[in-house]
Amino acid sequence: MSVSAAQVLIRYAEVADLAHIIELCHQHAQFEGANYSAEGKLASLRISLFAEVPALYCVVVELDADIVAYASYMRQFSTWDAGYYLYMDCLYLKDEVRGIGIGAKLMQWIRGEAKRLHCKHIQWQTPIDNESAIGFYRQQGAIDKTKARFFLSIKG
């Protein structure tokens, strides 16, 4: 089954969407087997997404007026390329809407955003065991580059 363009609306997130986005983030974390706490997220996302100069952009996908997916991204600079790239922080679709064309439509939107922001390419990551996402991204023409990802907590 695929969906028609009339049924799917991709749009920039609005303040009224924040609770839905936080719930999708929670589902995304569960999907990846990660811990997630919604504590403090509403205020932080409100500031980050809706400041005069946003730190982060977010779009949501509506299917028949129900928010079923989101993607977040930011413009970053690459010293190696001496130019900007779009870093896609998250892309998540609810289980029930995977495989019906929404992900491809969302990736097309992200491509358009990269052009709008004058980015040379898009970068993102997905867990190495998420074989369905890896397959999907390869179908979109993406090339994977395996690297170790590090996290360093800054205390105080």
Protein backbone atom coordinates (compact mmCIF):
# COMPACT_ATOMS: atom_id res chain seq x y z
CA MET A 1 0.00 0.00 0.00
CA SER A 2 1.23 3.50 -0.76
CA VAL A 3 -0.31 6.78 0.23
CA SER A 4 -1.43 9.58 -2.00
CA ALA A 5 0.00 13.07 -1.71
CA ALA A 6 -3.47 14.26 -0.68
CA GLN A 7 -3.35 12.10 2.45
CA VAL A 8 0.19 13.13 3.51
CA LEU A 9 1.14 16.59 4.70
CA ILE A 10 4.76 17.39 5.54
CA ARG A 11 5.14 20.72 7.30
CA TYR A 12 7.37 22.63 9.67
CA ALA A 13 6.65 21.85 13.30
CA GLU A 14 4.62 24.33 15.29
CA VAL A 15 4.62 24.99 19.04
CA ALA A 16 1.32 23.08 19.29
CA ASP A 17 3.14 19.97 17.95
CA LEU A 18 5.72 19.76 20.73
CA ALA A 19 3.88 17.18 22.83
CA HIS A 20 3.49 14.96 19.73
CA ILE A 21 7.18 15.38 18.88
CA ILE A 22 8.21 14.45 22.41
CA GLU A 23 6.04 11.33 22.23
CA LEU A 24 7.57 10.40 18.87
CA CYS A 25 11.04 10.93 20.39
CA HIS A 26 10.06 8.54 23.17
CA GLN A 27 8.87 5.94 20.64
CA HIS A 28 12.06 6.49 18.63
CA ALA A 29 14.19 5.85 21.73
CA GLN A 30 12.20 2.70 22.52
CA PHE A 31 12.65 1.51 18.91
CA GLU A 32 16.42 1.92 19.29
CA GLY A 33 16.47 0.37 22.77
CA ALA A 34 17.60 3.61 24.39
CA ASN A 35 16.54 5.34 27.59
CA TYR A 36 14.45 8.47 27.27
CA SER A 37 13.02 10.98 29.69
CA ALA A 38 10.61 13.70 28.61
CA GLU A 39 11.63 15.84 31.59
CA GLY A 40 12.59 19.35 30.49
CA LYS A 41 12.17 18.54 26.80
CA LEU A 42 9.16 20.79 26.16
CA ALA A 43 10.91 24.00 27.28
CA SER A 44 14.20 23.09 25.65
CA LEU A 45 12.65 22.16 22.31
CA ARG A 46 10.48 25.28 22.35
CA ILE A 47 13.61 27.44 22.69
CA SER A 48 15.72 25.43 20.23
CA LEU A 49 13.10 25.18 17.48
CA PHE A 50 11.36 28.52 17.73
CA ALA A 51 14.12 31.01 18.56
CA GLU A 52 14.76 33.89 16.16
CA VAL A 53 17.73 31.86 14.90
CA PRO A 54 16.75 28.21 15.53
CA ALA A 55 19.39 25.76 16.72
CA LEU A 56 17.34 22.97 15.15
CA TYR A 57 14.65 22.59 12.50
CA CYS A 58 11.86 20.05 12.72
CA VAL A 59 9.17 18.86 10.35
CA VAL A 60 6.24 16.62 11.10
CA VAL A 61 4.27 14.35 8.83
CA GLU A 62 0.50 14.21 9.07
CA LEU A 63 -1.45 11.30 7.65
CA ASP A 64 -5.17 12.01 7.70
CA ALA A 65 -4.51 14.80 10.27
CA ASP A 66 -2.59 12.46 12.64
CA ILE A 67 1.11 13.21 13.25
CA VAL A 68 2.87 9.96 12.33
CA ALA A 69 6.49 10.96 11.76
CA TYR A 70 9.08 13.64 12.29
CA ALA A 71 12.53 14.64 11.18
CA SER A 72 14.90 17.11 12.79
CA TYR A 73 17.99 18.63 11.27
CA MET A 74 20.50 21.45 11.49
CA ARG A 75 22.98 23.20 9.25
CA GLN A 76 26.60 22.50 10.13
CA PHE A 77 29.96 23.43 8.65
CA SER A 78 32.56 20.94 7.41
CA THR A 79 36.19 21.97 7.55
CA TRP A 80 37.09 19.18 5.13
CA ASP A 81 34.58 20.36 2.53
CA ALA A 82 34.93 24.05 3.44
CA GLY A 83 31.16 24.23 3.16
CA TYR A 84 27.89 23.55 4.87
CA TYR A 85 26.07 20.26 5.18
CA LEU A 86 22.72 19.37 6.65
CA TYR A 87 22.93 17.04 9.65
CA MET A 88 19.73 15.05 10.03
CA ASP A 89 19.50 14.42 13.75
CA CYS A 90 16.40 12.25 13.71
CA LEU A 91 14.01 10.68 11.27
CA TYR A 92 11.31 8.49 12.73
CA LEU A 93 8.05 7.02 11.47
CA LYS A 94 5.50 5.18 13.59
CA ASP A 95 5.53 1.42 12.97
CA GLU A 96 2.16 1.38 11.26
CA VAL A 97 3.23 3.83 8.52
CA ARG A 98 6.54 2.27 7.54
CA GLY A 99 6.81 0.84 4.05
CA ILE A 100 4.04 2.89 2.44
CA GLY A 101 6.10 5.72 0.94
CA ILE A 102 6.09 8.29 3.74
CA GLY A 103 9.80 7.86 4.48
CA ALA A 104 10.70 8.53 0.84
CA LYS A 105 8.51 11.66 0.83
CA LEU A 106 10.19 12.83 4.04
CA MET A 107 13.67 12.23 2.60
CA GLN A 108 12.66 14.27 -0.47
CA TRP A 109 11.63 17.11 1.84
CA ILE A 110 15.00 16.90 3.63
CA ARG A 111 16.80 17.06 0.26
CA GLY A 112 14.87 20.24 -0.49
CA GLU A 113 15.82 21.69 2.87
CA ALA A 114 19.50 20.94 2.21
CA LYS A 115 19.24 22.90 -1.05
CA ARG A 116 17.35 25.73 0.67
CA LEU A 117 20.08 25.99 3.32
CA HIS A 118 22.85 25.86 0.66
CA CYS A 119 24.26 22.56 1.93
CA LYS A 120 26.58 20.37 -0.15
CA HIS A 121 25.27 17.10 1.28
CA ILE A 122 23.27 15.47 4.08
CA GLN A 123 24.75 13.40 6.90
CA TRP A 124 23.03 11.24 9.51
CA GLN A 125 23.48 8.03 11.43
CA THR A 126 21.45 5.01 12.36
CA PRO A 127 22.22 2.07 14.63
CA ILE A 128 24.24 -0.61 12.85
CA ASP A 129 21.62 -3.24 13.69
CA ASN A 130 18.74 -1.24 12.14
CA GLU A 131 18.88 -3.20 8.89
CA SER A 132 15.53 -1.94 7.59
CA ALA A 133 16.63 1.71 7.94
CA ILE A 134 20.00 0.95 6.37
CA GLY A 135 18.27 -0.70 3.42
CA PHE A 136 15.86 2.22 3.09
CA TYR A 137 18.67 4.78 3.12
CA ARG A 138 20.60 2.84 0.50
CA GLN A 139 17.45 2.80 -1.66
CA GLN A 140 17.45 6.59 -1.36
CA GLY A 141 20.97 6.66 -2.86
CA ALA A 142 22.85 7.15 0.42
CA ILE A 143 26.28 5.67 1.03
CA ASP A 144 27.20 4.51 4.52
CA LYS A 145 30.53 5.25 6.15
CA THR A 146 31.20 3.26 9.28
CA LYS A 147 32.75 5.20 12.14
CA ALA A 148 32.71 4.84 15.89
CA ARG A 149 30.49 7.39 17.61
CA PHE A 150 31.70 8.74 20.94
CA PHE A 151 29.84 10.46 23.77
CA LEU A 152 31.61 12.53 26.39
CA SER A 153 29.50 13.88 29.23
CA ILE A 154 30.26 17.36 30.45
CA LYS A 155 29.51 17.66 34.15
CA GLY A 156 28.91 20.91 35.97
